[in-house]
Amino acid sequence: MCSFCSLSKAIEISTSPQTIFINEYLDILQSRNADLSFQQALQHFQDKKFTANLDNKVSFGSTNNVVWASLVIKNTSTENVNKLFYIDSAWLDRAEFYFLYNDNLIGEALIGDLLPFDSRVTKTRMFSVQHTFAPASTVVLMKFQSQDPLLIPIFLSTNEIVNSNLTLLNYFYGFIYGAFFILLVYNIALSLSLKDSRYVYYSLYLLSFFCLNLSYTGHGYKFLWSGSVFLQQWLMPLFLYLYILFGIAFCFEFLKLKVFLPKVYKRKKSIYAGLILLVILLFIIGDRLLAVQLGVALTSLLVVIFISLGVMALKHGHKMAKFFIPAVLMGAGGAAISAATTWGIIPYNTMLFHGIEIGMLLEMSLLAVALGFNLKEMNNARIIAEVNAQIDPLTTLFNRRAFAATVEPQWHLGIRDNKPFSLILLDIDWFKRINDDYGHAAGDTTLKAIAETLNRKVRKSDILARWGGEEFIIFLPNTSKLSATNLANVIRQEIERMTVLHTNVELKVTASFGVADHTVQQNKLEDLIKLADDALYKAKSSGRNIVCTA
């Protein structure tokens, strides 16, 4: 029997559940001496210098201290029991396990990121050590050290259960990574098609978080750089700072700080340069613990800064900020839950520990919705701009450009089907006098009144436009010259009878008309317009307020 088994609270593995969270059974010794040997730790254990982990402590923070833990395993059965120590954390520089049976060291194991992934006995992302416990008691001493946050949630389980749980976790990450990949591809496509820097920086922001997640969850070490300890040690700090850098860039562009907060935007280059110099300096110093601590601190500070900038941009009238603020809060909330779990502020739970992935997925989904909303706004603005480019703003009729584009297919259709079509060109008589005598506002009122009259008189198939100044033009498909002339006279008489009211003044107006129809000699629309213009000139020269034909 082991002479010092009673010093630790024992776990009875033959009758207990197949999976046990063992942190509450541990006795802990923290030491500043990284070189404290197994024999020295064992002596401290025998001297009762280990203290009970009564609060189920999982996290020991970012520390250079070495943590020793002791555990007593009892097997009251007559059979050997195979168990697996499983550490639910993917970042841990070094962990040593020592197994003592009947006061003798019968086994030891070394795991951690300081060893190539290929050297692991069990090829899981997380760390695990297998041991067969003989009947009676076994003492396990464990040594942990890391320059990352020292998080050691330890389970005693079986290979089958651990693999089953890892499969479920793989489904979780499959969903998370699939969602990130869809968002990434979608925004890369938008950035390439729209040439909008917001989508570029958002894509980089997504990609940097994706890479950061790969590094700290162990996926990268398992699948991408399994043979490089150096990359495993330094890629996480690097991706952390890239995530910060592209987060700042995205914030500046998404919130349009150049427009809404120009004083802040002017400091952009200085912020980028300072961050890049900081990263270079940290990598030159080579203190990974310092690099991680500063990165985590910067990330926390940036959440406050981002929300503050979002509130200020919203106050300055930026509508998109209403998406940005809750999105950052979601990401920050998820990160805060994960951080609180990592630092031991709240009890350890696997789902709470992964709160950052859930929070970031919600954040990035909401930001994607915001960018989609922005895309819709851009499309609406483009459509409005295209419509405005074709409409005369005063009369709301087609302008000259829209008239030509709309008539062209009708022109070719009439020629192909050998159908008649005609054109009416009209000009308001003595329009300059109205402007000179009553002002340009009176002239505008007159133009709008005549446009309304024309709209009432033409057919839906006719194409009406303001040709320029006080001239209007009407294209009449399937219409002979005689029918066009009759319509022109009807419109002329209607204009002659109308009264334009402007600031209590009644204005009487008339108009002159030129009518022309298509003949085989006309190859272009301009030829028909020229004939109608010649006829209009004849009407003007013949006393006005008449209809002349070409």
Protein backbone atom coordinates (compact mmCIF):
# COMPACT_ATOMS: atom_id res chain seq x y z
CA MET A 1 0.00 0.00 0.00
CA CYS A 2 1.03 3.63 -0.52
CA SER A 3 2.23 5.19 2.71
CA PHE A 4 0.94 8.67 1.87
CA CYS A 5 -2.32 8.02 0.06
CA SER A 6 -4.47 9.58 2.76
CA LEU A 7 -3.08 13.07 2.11
CA SER A 8 -5.38 13.61 -0.91
CA LYS A 9 -9.09 13.07 -1.42
CA ALA A 10 -9.29 9.84 -3.34
CA ILE A 11 -11.37 8.95 -6.42
CA GLU A 12 -12.91 5.49 -6.40
CA ILE A 13 -12.81 4.59 -10.12
CA SER A 14 -14.37 1.13 -9.91
CA THR A 15 -17.74 2.46 -8.71
CA SER A 16 -17.73 6.11 -9.85
CA PRO A 17 -19.15 7.40 -13.16
CA GLN A 18 -17.14 6.69 -16.28
CA THR A 19 -16.31 10.38 -16.70
CA ILE A 20 -15.28 12.50 -13.71
CA PHE A 21 -14.28 16.14 -13.59
CA ILE A 22 -11.31 15.70 -11.26
CA ASN A 23 -10.24 19.28 -10.44
CA GLU A 24 -12.19 19.18 -7.18
CA TYR A 25 -10.14 16.13 -6.11
CA LEU A 26 -6.78 17.79 -6.73
CA ASP A 27 -4.30 19.14 -4.24
CA ILE A 28 -2.32 22.06 -5.64
CA LEU A 29 1.21 23.42 -5.23
CA GLN A 30 2.24 26.59 -7.09
CA SER A 31 5.94 27.29 -7.39
CA ARG A 32 8.03 30.03 -8.94
CA ASN A 33 10.79 27.46 -9.41
CA ALA A 34 10.32 26.03 -12.90
CA ASP A 35 13.12 23.56 -12.19
CA LEU A 36 11.37 21.97 -9.21
CA SER A 37 11.95 18.27 -9.84
CA PHE A 38 9.59 15.35 -9.42
CA GLN A 39 11.49 14.18 -6.34
CA GLN A 40 11.26 17.62 -4.77
CA ALA A 41 7.55 17.87 -5.59
CA LEU A 42 6.99 14.41 -4.13
CA GLN A 43 8.73 15.50 -0.95
CA HIS A 44 6.49 18.57 -0.74
CA PHE A 45 3.51 16.28 -1.21
CA GLN A 46 4.66 14.02 1.61
CA ASP A 47 5.28 17.08 3.78
CA LYS A 48 1.66 18.16 3.17
CA LYS A 49 2.65 21.38 1.43
CA PHE A 50 0.02 20.82 -1.26
CA THR A 51 -3.33 22.51 -0.56
CA ALA A 52 -6.78 21.20 -1.43
CA ASN A 53 -8.40 22.67 -4.54
CA LEU A 54 -11.64 23.31 -2.68
CA ASP A 55 -13.01 25.84 -5.18
CA ASN A 56 -12.47 23.49 -8.17
CA LYS A 57 -9.96 25.90 -9.65
CA VAL A 58 -9.38 25.41 -13.37
CA SER A 59 -7.55 28.55 -14.42
CA PHE A 60 -4.32 29.89 -13.01
CA GLY A 61 -4.13 32.89 -15.35
CA SER A 62 -1.16 34.10 -17.35
CA THR A 63 1.72 33.15 -15.12
CA ASN A 64 5.28 31.95 -15.18
CA ASN A 65 4.55 29.83 -12.12
CA VAL A 66 4.64 26.06 -12.30
CA VAL A 67 1.56 24.29 -11.00
CA TRP A 68 1.90 20.84 -9.43
CA ALA A 69 -1.22 18.80 -8.72
CA SER A 70 -1.68 15.56 -6.86
CA LEU A 71 -4.45 13.01 -7.09
CA VAL A 72 -5.16 9.69 -5.39
CA ILE A 73 -6.93 7.00 -7.42
CA LYS A 74 -8.47 3.99 -5.67
CA ASN A 75 -9.41 0.82 -7.49
CA THR A 76 -11.28 -1.43 -5.02
CA SER A 77 -12.05 -4.02 -7.68
CA THR A 78 -9.87 -7.03 -8.43
CA GLU A 79 -9.41 -6.04 -12.08
CA ASN A 80 -7.19 -3.49 -13.77
CA VAL A 81 -9.09 -0.38 -14.94
CA ASN A 82 -8.04 1.58 -18.04
CA LYS A 83 -8.60 5.34 -17.76
CA LEU A 84 -7.74 8.42 -19.80
CA PHE A 85 -6.70 11.76 -18.33
CA TYR A 86 -8.17 14.31 -20.71
CA ILE A 87 -7.30 18.04 -20.48
CA ASP A 88 -10.02 20.11 -22.16
CA SER A 89 -7.60 22.78 -23.39
CA ALA A 90 -5.56 23.03 -26.58
CA TRP A 91 -2.89 25.38 -25.27
CA LEU A 92 -0.46 24.05 -22.72
CA ASP A 93 3.30 24.24 -23.09
CA ARG A 94 4.18 21.27 -20.94
CA ALA A 95 2.49 18.71 -18.72
CA GLU A 96 4.21 15.87 -16.88
CA PHE A 97 2.38 12.92 -15.31
CA TYR A 98 3.96 10.62 -12.70
CA PHE A 99 2.23 7.46 -11.46
CA LEU A 100 3.23 5.94 -8.08
CA TYR A 101 2.04 2.53 -6.92
CA ASN A 102 3.16 1.06 -3.58
CA ASP A 103 5.56 3.99 -3.18
CA ASN A 104 7.26 3.18 -6.50
CA LEU A 105 7.26 5.24 -9.70
CA ILE A 106 5.64 2.88 -12.22
CA GLY A 107 4.99 5.24 -15.11
CA GLU A 108 5.39 8.74 -16.44
CA ALA A 109 4.25 10.74 -19.47
CA LEU A 110 5.19 14.04 -21.08
CA ILE A 111 2.73 16.03 -23.23
CA GLY A 112 2.34 19.64 -24.37
CA ASP A 113 2.86 22.11 -27.18
CA LEU A 114 6.61 22.05 -26.67
CA LEU A 115 6.50 18.63 -28.34
CA PRO A 116 5.62 18.10 -32.00
CA PHE A 117 2.02 17.00 -32.49
CA ASP A 118 3.21 13.90 -34.35
CA SER A 119 4.85 12.65 -31.15
CA ARG A 120 1.55 12.44 -29.25
CA VAL A 121 0.42 8.93 -28.37
CA THR A 122 -3.25 9.89 -28.79
CA LYS A 123 -3.75 12.10 -31.84
CA THR A 124 -6.37 14.42 -30.37
CA ARG A 125 -6.39 18.21 -30.44
CA MET A 126 -6.55 18.29 -26.67
CA PHE A 127 -4.01 16.68 -24.37
CA SER A 128 -4.55 13.20 -22.96
CA VAL A 129 -2.63 10.52 -21.06
CA GLN A 130 -3.74 6.94 -20.69
CA HIS A 131 -2.98 4.72 -17.71
CA THR A 132 -4.05 1.31 -16.42
CA PHE A 133 -4.82 1.37 -12.69
CA ALA A 134 -4.15 -1.81 -10.77
CA PRO A 135 -6.22 -2.73 -7.71
CA ALA A 136 -5.50 -0.65 -4.57
CA SER A 137 -4.32 2.98 -4.62
CA THR A 138 -2.25 4.95 -7.11
CA VAL A 139 -0.89 8.45 -6.56
CA VAL A 140 -0.67 10.72 -9.60
CA LEU A 141 1.55 13.80 -9.55
CA MET A 142 1.12 16.26 -12.41
CA LYS A 143 3.21 19.27 -13.40
CA PHE A 144 1.79 22.05 -15.60
CA GLN A 145 3.42 25.12 -17.09
CA SER A 146 2.58 27.44 -19.97
CA GLN A 147 3.18 30.94 -21.18
CA ASP A 148 -0.41 31.04 -22.41
CA PRO A 149 -3.23 31.38 -19.87
CA LEU A 150 -2.78 28.26 -17.74
CA LEU A 151 -6.12 26.49 -18.07
CA ILE A 152 -6.28 22.87 -16.92
CA PRO A 153 -9.81 21.44 -16.80
CA ILE A 154 -9.04 17.73 -16.33
CA PHE A 155 -11.39 14.82 -16.85
CA LEU A 156 -10.85 11.17 -16.01
CA SER A 157 -12.68 9.17 -18.62
CA THR A 158 -12.32 6.46 -21.25
CA ASN A 159 -11.15 6.51 -24.85
CA GLU A 160 -14.63 5.73 -26.12
CA ILE A 161 -16.34 8.55 -24.24
CA VAL A 162 -13.64 11.09 -25.06
CA ASN A 163 -13.79 10.21 -28.76
CA SER A 164 -17.57 10.45 -28.69
CA ASN A 165 -17.42 13.89 -27.06
CA LEU A 166 -14.77 15.01 -29.54
CA THR A 167 -17.03 13.92 -32.39
CA LEU A 168 -19.83 16.12 -31.01
CA LEU A 169 -17.34 18.98 -30.63
CA ASN A 170 -16.22 18.43 -34.22
CA TYR A 171 -19.83 18.89 -35.35
CA PHE A 172 -19.90 22.14 -33.38
CA TYR A 173 -16.72 23.40 -35.02
CA GLY A 174 -17.91 22.15 -38.39
CA PHE A 175 -20.96 24.37 -38.04
CA ILE A 176 -18.90 27.34 -36.78
CA TYR A 177 -16.23 27.03 -39.48
CA GLY A 178 -18.83 26.41 -42.18
CA ALA A 179 -20.67 29.58 -41.20
CA PHE A 180 -17.42 31.57 -41.13
CA PHE A 181 -16.40 30.15 -44.50
CA ILE A 182 -19.73 31.10 -46.09
CA LEU A 183 -19.47 34.63 -44.69
CA LEU A 184 -15.87 34.87 -45.85
CA VAL A 185 -16.55 33.73 -49.43
CA TYR A 186 -19.65 35.94 -49.65
CA ASN A 187 -17.77 39.04 -48.55
CA ILE A 188 -14.72 38.30 -50.72
CA ALA A 189 -17.06 38.07 -53.71
CA LEU A 190 -18.70 41.38 -52.74
CA SER A 191 -15.34 43.07 -52.21
CA LEU A 192 -14.16 41.97 -55.67
CA SER A 193 -17.36 43.01 -57.43
CA LEU A 194 -18.08 46.27 -55.57
CA LYS A 195 -14.48 47.39 -54.93
CA ASP A 196 -15.69 48.53 -51.48
CA SER A 197 -12.96 48.61 -48.81
CA ARG A 198 -15.46 47.73 -46.07
CA TYR A 199 -15.98 44.27 -47.55
CA VAL A 200 -12.21 43.84 -48.00
CA TYR A 201 -11.45 44.64 -44.36
CA TYR A 202 -14.41 42.61 -43.15
CA SER A 203 -13.09 39.62 -45.11
CA LEU A 204 -9.66 40.08 -43.53
CA TYR A 205 -11.29 40.48 -40.11
CA LEU A 206 -13.15 37.19 -40.61
CA LEU A 207 -10.05 35.44 -41.90
CA SER A 208 -7.86 36.63 -39.02
CA PHE A 209 -10.35 35.41 -36.42
CA PHE A 210 -10.68 32.11 -38.27
CA CYS A 211 -6.88 31.66 -38.17
CA LEU A 212 -6.75 32.74 -34.52
CA ASN A 213 -9.40 30.16 -33.69
CA LEU A 214 -7.51 27.46 -35.58
CA SER A 215 -4.40 28.23 -33.56
CA TYR A 216 -5.88 28.27 -30.05
CA THR A 217 -8.26 25.32 -30.54
CA GLY A 218 -5.46 23.03 -31.71
CA HIS A 219 -6.92 22.46 -35.17
CA GLY A 220 -3.97 24.19 -36.76
CA TYR A 221 -1.42 22.15 -34.81
CA LYS A 222 -3.20 18.91 -35.68
CA PHE A 223 -3.84 19.53 -39.39
CA LEU A 224 -1.60 22.35 -40.66
CA TRP A 225 1.69 22.76 -38.76
CA SER A 226 1.89 19.53 -36.75
CA GLY A 227 5.67 19.31 -37.11
CA SER A 228 6.55 22.85 -36.02
CA VAL A 229 6.66 23.69 -32.31
CA PHE A 230 7.76 27.24 -33.15
CA LEU A 231 4.66 27.93 -35.25
CA GLN A 232 2.41 26.47 -32.56
CA GLN A 233 4.02 28.76 -29.99
CA TRP A 234 3.94 32.00 -32.01
CA LEU A 235 1.11 31.80 -34.52
CA MET A 236 -1.57 32.42 -31.91
CA PRO A 237 -0.03 35.76 -30.76
CA LEU A 238 0.54 36.72 -34.41
CA PHE A 239 -3.07 35.96 -35.43
CA LEU A 240 -4.30 37.75 -32.30
CA TYR A 241 -2.58 40.98 -33.37
CA LEU A 242 -3.73 40.57 -36.98
CA TYR A 243 -7.27 40.19 -35.64
CA ILE A 244 -6.82 43.44 -33.69
CA LEU A 245 -5.30 45.24 -36.70
CA PHE A 246 -8.00 44.23 -39.18
CA GLY A 247 -10.68 44.84 -36.55
CA ILE A 248 -9.48 48.45 -36.27
CA ALA A 249 -9.33 48.82 -40.06
CA PHE A 250 -12.83 47.40 -40.45
CA CYS A 251 -14.16 49.67 -37.69
CA PHE A 252 -12.71 52.76 -39.40
CA GLU A 253 -14.22 51.88 -42.78
CA PHE A 254 -17.54 50.41 -41.61
CA LEU A 255 -18.33 53.43 -39.42
CA LYS A 256 -17.13 55.79 -42.18
CA LEU A 257 -15.03 57.70 -39.68
CA LYS A 258 -13.55 59.72 -42.55
CA VAL A 259 -17.00 61.29 -42.96
CA PHE A 260 -18.50 61.17 -39.48
CA LEU A 261 -15.41 61.45 -37.24
CA PRO A 262 -12.63 62.91 -39.43
CA LYS A 263 -10.39 63.87 -36.48
CA VAL A 264 -10.26 60.24 -35.36
CA TYR A 265 -9.78 59.01 -38.92
CA LYS A 266 -6.70 61.22 -39.39
CA ARG A 267 -4.93 59.15 -36.70
CA LYS A 268 -5.46 55.91 -38.62
CA LYS A 269 -1.95 55.62 -40.04
CA SER A 270 -0.37 56.41 -36.67
CA ILE A 271 -2.47 53.68 -35.01
CA TYR A 272 -1.51 51.13 -37.67
CA ALA A 273 2.18 52.05 -37.47
CA GLY A 274 2.18 51.91 -33.66
CA LEU A 275 0.51 48.49 -33.61
CA ILE A 276 2.87 47.05 -36.22
CA LEU A 277 5.92 48.39 -34.35
CA LEU A 278 4.57 46.89 -31.12
CA VAL A 279 4.21 43.47 -32.75
CA ILE A 280 7.72 43.63 -34.21
CA LEU A 281 9.15 44.65 -30.81
CA LEU A 282 7.31 41.86 -28.98
CA PHE A 283 8.57 39.26 -31.44
CA ILE A 284 12.13 40.60 -31.13
CA ILE A 285 11.92 40.40 -27.33
CA GLY A 286 10.56 36.86 -27.68
CA ASP A 287 8.42 36.95 -24.52
CA ARG A 288 5.30 35.08 -25.59
CA LEU A 289 3.57 35.53 -22.24
CA LEU A 290 3.98 39.31 -22.49
CA ALA A 291 2.75 39.25 -26.11
CA VAL A 292 -0.40 37.33 -25.16
CA GLN A 293 -1.10 39.48 -22.11
CA LEU A 294 -0.80 42.71 -24.11
CA GLY A 295 -2.91 41.26 -26.93
CA VAL A 296 -5.71 40.26 -24.57
CA ALA A 297 -5.56 43.67 -22.87
CA LEU A 298 -5.70 45.46 -26.25
CA THR A 299 -8.65 43.34 -27.33
CA SER A 300 -10.57 44.26 -24.18
CA LEU A 301 -9.70 47.94 -24.60
CA LEU A 302 -10.74 47.93 -28.26
CA VAL A 303 -14.22 46.67 -27.37
CA VAL A 304 -14.76 49.82 -25.28
CA ILE A 305 -13.25 52.02 -28.01
CA PHE A 306 -15.32 50.40 -30.79
CA ILE A 307 -18.59 50.84 -28.89
CA SER A 308 -17.69 54.47 -28.10
CA LEU A 309 -16.89 55.18 -31.76
CA GLY A 310 -20.12 53.46 -32.80
CA VAL A 311 -22.17 55.63 -30.43
CA MET A 312 -20.45 58.80 -31.68
CA ALA A 313 -20.95 57.82 -35.32
CA LEU A 314 -24.62 57.09 -34.63
CA LYS A 315 -25.03 60.51 -33.03
CA HIS A 316 -23.48 62.06 -36.15
CA GLY A 317 -26.13 60.38 -38.31
CA HIS A 318 -24.48 57.15 -39.48
CA LYS A 319 -27.35 54.63 -39.74
CA MET A 320 -25.07 51.59 -40.02
CA ALA A 321 -23.76 52.19 -36.49
CA LYS A 322 -27.03 50.80 -35.12
CA PHE A 323 -25.87 47.38 -36.40
CA PHE A 324 -22.26 47.83 -35.34
CA ILE A 325 -22.89 48.51 -31.63
CA PRO A 326 -24.96 45.38 -30.83
CA ALA A 327 -22.66 43.27 -33.02
CA VAL A 328 -19.61 44.33 -30.99
CA LEU A 329 -21.55 43.72 -27.78
CA MET A 330 -22.36 40.17 -28.91
CA GLY A 331 -18.75 39.42 -29.77
CA ALA A 332 -17.54 41.06 -26.57
CA GLY A 333 -20.15 39.21 -24.53
CA GLY A 334 -19.04 35.85 -25.91
CA ALA A 335 -15.39 36.73 -25.36
CA ALA A 336 -16.14 37.92 -21.83
CA ILE A 337 -17.86 34.63 -20.96
CA SER A 338 -14.93 32.67 -22.35
CA ALA A 339 -12.45 34.90 -20.53
CA ALA A 340 -14.39 34.61 -17.27
CA THR A 341 -14.34 30.84 -17.66
CA THR A 342 -10.64 30.84 -18.55
CA TRP A 343 -9.76 33.03 -15.57
CA GLY A 344 -11.94 31.03 -13.19
CA ILE A 345 -14.38 33.86 -12.45
CA ILE A 346 -17.32 31.60 -13.32
CA PRO A 347 -17.38 27.80 -12.94
CA TYR A 348 -15.83 25.95 -15.87
CA ASN A 349 -18.23 24.61 -18.49
CA THR A 350 -17.32 23.45 -22.00
CA MET A 351 -20.05 25.49 -23.73
CA LEU A 352 -19.24 28.59 -21.67
CA PHE A 353 -15.60 28.14 -22.55
CA HIS A 354 -16.56 28.24 -26.24
CA GLY A 355 -18.67 31.38 -25.77
CA ILE A 356 -16.21 33.39 -27.85
CA GLU A 357 -16.94 31.33 -30.97
CA ILE A 358 -20.69 31.67 -30.49
CA GLY A 359 -20.40 35.38 -29.72
CA MET A 360 -18.16 36.03 -32.72
CA LEU A 361 -20.48 34.06 -34.99
CA LEU A 362 -23.40 36.21 -33.83
CA GLU A 363 -21.30 39.37 -34.19
CA MET A 364 -20.10 38.56 -37.67
CA SER A 365 -23.55 37.40 -38.77
CA LEU A 366 -25.06 40.70 -37.65
CA LEU A 367 -22.26 42.62 -39.36
CA ALA A 368 -22.93 40.59 -42.52
CA VAL A 369 -26.60 41.59 -42.26
CA ALA A 370 -25.48 45.19 -41.85
CA LEU A 371 -23.28 44.97 -44.95
CA GLY A 372 -26.19 43.35 -46.79
CA PHE A 373 -28.41 46.23 -45.66
CA ASN A 374 -25.74 48.62 -46.90
CA LEU A 375 -25.67 46.78 -50.23
CA LYS A 376 -29.45 47.17 -50.49
CA GLU A 377 -29.10 50.87 -49.74
CA MET A 378 -26.43 51.16 -52.43
CA ASN A 379 -28.65 49.36 -54.94
CA ASN A 380 -31.58 51.62 -54.09
CA ALA A 381 -29.36 54.67 -54.49
CA ARG A 382 -28.11 53.34 -57.82
CA ILE A 383 -31.65 52.71 -59.05
CA ILE A 384 -32.74 56.17 -57.95
CA ALA A 385 -29.70 57.67 -59.68
CA GLU A 386 -30.46 55.75 -62.88
CA VAL A 387 -34.09 56.89 -62.79
CA ASN A 388 -33.08 60.47 -62.09
CA ALA A 389 -30.67 60.34 -65.01
CA GLN A 390 -33.63 59.67 -67.31
CA ILE A 391 -36.20 62.02 -65.79
CA ASP A 392 -36.51 65.76 -66.18
CA PRO A 393 -36.73 66.92 -62.54
CA LEU A 394 -39.13 69.82 -63.23
CA THR A 395 -41.80 68.12 -65.35
CA THR A 396 -41.04 64.47 -64.35
CA LEU A 397 -41.16 63.59 -68.05
CA PHE A 398 -38.43 61.66 -69.87
CA ASN A 399 -35.41 63.77 -70.75
CA ARG A 400 -33.73 63.78 -74.16
CA ARG A 401 -31.42 60.87 -73.29
CA ALA A 402 -34.23 58.65 -72.02
CA PHE A 403 -36.42 59.57 -75.02
CA ALA A 404 -33.79 58.41 -77.49
CA ALA A 405 -33.16 55.16 -75.60
CA THR A 406 -36.90 54.37 -75.27
CA VAL A 407 -37.81 55.23 -78.87
CA GLU A 408 -34.99 53.24 -80.48
CA PRO A 409 -36.57 49.77 -80.12
CA GLN A 410 -39.95 51.17 -81.23
CA TRP A 411 -38.26 52.69 -84.28
CA HIS A 412 -36.71 49.38 -85.37
CA LEU A 413 -39.95 47.48 -84.64
CA GLY A 414 -41.99 49.86 -86.79
CA ILE A 415 -39.54 49.57 -89.69
CA ARG A 416 -39.43 45.76 -89.40
CA ASP A 417 -43.22 45.42 -89.32
CA ASN A 418 -43.72 48.20 -91.91
CA LYS A 419 -45.97 50.10 -89.49
CA PRO A 420 -46.47 53.89 -89.66
CA PHE A 421 -45.16 56.12 -86.90
CA SER A 422 -45.00 59.88 -86.49
CA LEU A 423 -43.42 62.58 -84.38
CA ILE A 424 -44.74 65.80 -82.84
CA LEU A 425 -42.38 68.56 -81.76
CA LEU A 426 -43.92 71.57 -79.97
CA ASP A 427 -42.56 74.81 -78.59
CA ILE A 428 -44.25 77.22 -76.15
CA ASP A 429 -44.87 80.58 -77.83
CA TRP A 430 -43.25 83.68 -76.36
CA PHE A 431 -41.91 81.70 -73.41
CA LYS A 432 -39.03 84.16 -72.84
CA ARG A 433 -41.58 86.93 -72.20
CA ILE A 434 -43.13 84.88 -69.38
CA ASN A 435 -39.73 84.52 -67.72
CA ASP A 436 -38.86 88.17 -68.25
CA ASP A 437 -42.23 89.59 -67.14
CA TYR A 438 -43.16 87.24 -64.32
CA GLY A 439 -39.93 85.50 -63.35
CA HIS A 440 -38.47 82.04 -63.83
CA ALA A 441 -40.80 80.57 -61.21
CA ALA A 442 -43.72 81.48 -63.47
CA GLY A 443 -41.93 79.87 -66.38
CA ASP A 444 -41.46 76.68 -64.35
CA THR A 445 -45.15 76.65 -63.41
CA THR A 446 -46.06 77.00 -67.10
CA LEU A 447 -43.79 74.13 -68.12
CA LYS A 448 -45.32 71.86 -65.47
CA ALA A 449 -48.86 72.79 -66.47
CA ILE A 450 -48.19 71.98 -70.13
CA ALA A 451 -46.47 68.71 -69.17
CA GLU A 452 -49.62 67.71 -67.24
CA THR A 453 -51.78 68.57 -70.24
CA LEU A 454 -49.63 66.52 -72.59
CA ASN A 455 -49.71 63.57 -70.20
CA ARG A 456 -53.51 63.63 -70.22
CA LYS A 457 -53.75 63.70 -74.01
CA VAL A 458 -51.19 61.14 -75.17
CA ARG A 459 -51.75 57.38 -75.24
CA LYS A 460 -49.91 54.94 -73.01
CA SER A 461 -48.04 53.65 -76.04
CA ASP A 462 -46.83 57.14 -76.97
CA ILE A 463 -43.44 58.34 -75.73
CA LEU A 464 -43.46 61.86 -74.31
CA ALA A 465 -40.40 63.86 -73.23
CA ARG A 466 -39.14 67.32 -72.52
CA TRP A 467 -36.83 67.96 -75.43
CA GLY A 468 -35.10 70.97 -73.91
CA GLY A 469 -35.96 74.47 -72.72
CA GLU A 470 -39.59 75.08 -73.66
CA GLU A 471 -39.74 72.27 -76.25
CA PHE A 472 -41.56 68.94 -75.90
CA ILE A 473 -41.50 65.89 -78.16
CA ILE A 474 -43.95 63.02 -78.70
CA PHE A 475 -43.22 59.77 -80.54
CA LEU A 476 -46.40 58.14 -81.87
CA PRO A 477 -46.08 54.45 -82.88
CA ASN A 478 -48.69 52.98 -85.29
CA THR A 479 -49.80 56.52 -86.16
CA SER A 480 -50.14 58.18 -89.56
CA LYS A 481 -49.28 61.79 -90.28
CA LEU A 482 -53.00 62.68 -90.46
CA SER A 483 -53.73 61.16 -87.03
CA ALA A 484 -50.67 62.83 -85.57
CA THR A 485 -51.75 66.19 -87.02
CA ASN A 486 -55.24 65.79 -85.53
CA LEU A 487 -53.74 64.99 -82.09
CA ALA A 488 -51.42 67.99 -82.36
CA ASN A 489 -54.42 70.26 -83.04
CA VAL A 490 -56.32 68.81 -80.08
CA ILE A 491 -53.34 69.49 -77.81
CA ARG A 492 -52.85 72.97 -79.31
CA GLN A 493 -56.46 73.89 -78.58
CA GLU A 494 -56.25 72.48 -75.06
CA ILE A 495 -53.15 74.59 -74.33
CA GLU A 496 -54.82 77.67 -75.82
CA ARG A 497 -57.80 77.23 -73.49
CA MET A 498 -55.78 76.58 -70.34
CA THR A 499 -54.98 79.22 -67.73
CA VAL A 500 -51.79 79.03 -65.70
CA LEU A 501 -52.13 80.43 -62.17
CA HIS A 502 -49.00 81.88 -60.60
CA THR A 503 -49.08 84.06 -57.47
CA ASN A 504 -52.63 85.26 -58.19
CA VAL A 505 -51.72 86.05 -61.80
CA GLU A 506 -53.53 84.28 -64.65
CA LEU A 507 -51.25 83.50 -67.58
CA LYS A 508 -52.45 82.56 -71.07
CA VAL A 509 -50.12 80.54 -73.27
CA THR A 510 -50.07 79.00 -76.73
CA ALA A 511 -47.76 76.59 -78.51
CA SER A 512 -46.58 75.91 -82.08
CA PHE A 513 -46.35 72.37 -83.48
CA GLY A 514 -44.34 70.55 -86.11
CA VAL A 515 -45.48 67.10 -87.30
CA ALA A 516 -43.59 64.58 -89.42
CA ASP A 517 -44.07 60.90 -90.25
CA HIS A 518 -41.57 58.19 -91.15
CA THR A 519 -40.68 57.54 -94.79
CA VAL A 520 -38.33 55.05 -96.40
CA GLN A 521 -35.81 57.84 -96.98
CA GLN A 522 -35.25 58.20 -93.19
CA ASN A 523 -32.58 55.88 -91.82
CA LYS A 524 -32.25 57.35 -88.33
CA LEU A 525 -34.45 58.88 -85.65
CA GLU A 526 -32.50 62.10 -86.03
CA ASP A 527 -33.76 62.38 -89.63
CA LEU A 528 -37.38 62.27 -88.45
CA ILE A 529 -36.70 64.79 -85.68
CA LYS A 530 -35.07 67.11 -88.24
CA LEU A 531 -38.22 67.04 -90.39
CA ALA A 532 -40.44 67.77 -87.38
CA ASP A 533 -38.12 70.61 -86.36
CA ASP A 534 -38.35 72.09 -89.86
CA ALA A 535 -42.14 71.93 -89.63
CA LEU A 536 -42.01 73.60 -86.19
CA TYR A 537 -39.86 76.39 -87.63
CA LYS A 538 -42.50 76.86 -90.35
CA ALA A 539 -45.22 77.14 -87.67
CA LYS A 540 -43.19 79.73 -85.75
CA SER A 541 -42.66 81.71 -88.95
CA SER A 542 -46.35 81.53 -89.85
CA GLY A 543 -47.67 83.38 -86.83
CA ARG A 544 -47.38 80.73 -84.05
CA ASN A 545 -50.18 78.75 -82.34
CA ILE A 546 -50.60 76.55 -85.38
CA VAL A 547 -49.72 73.02 -86.52
CA CYS A 548 -47.50 72.57 -89.58
CA THR A 549 -46.49 69.29 -91.23
CA ALA A 550 -43.32 68.25 -92.99
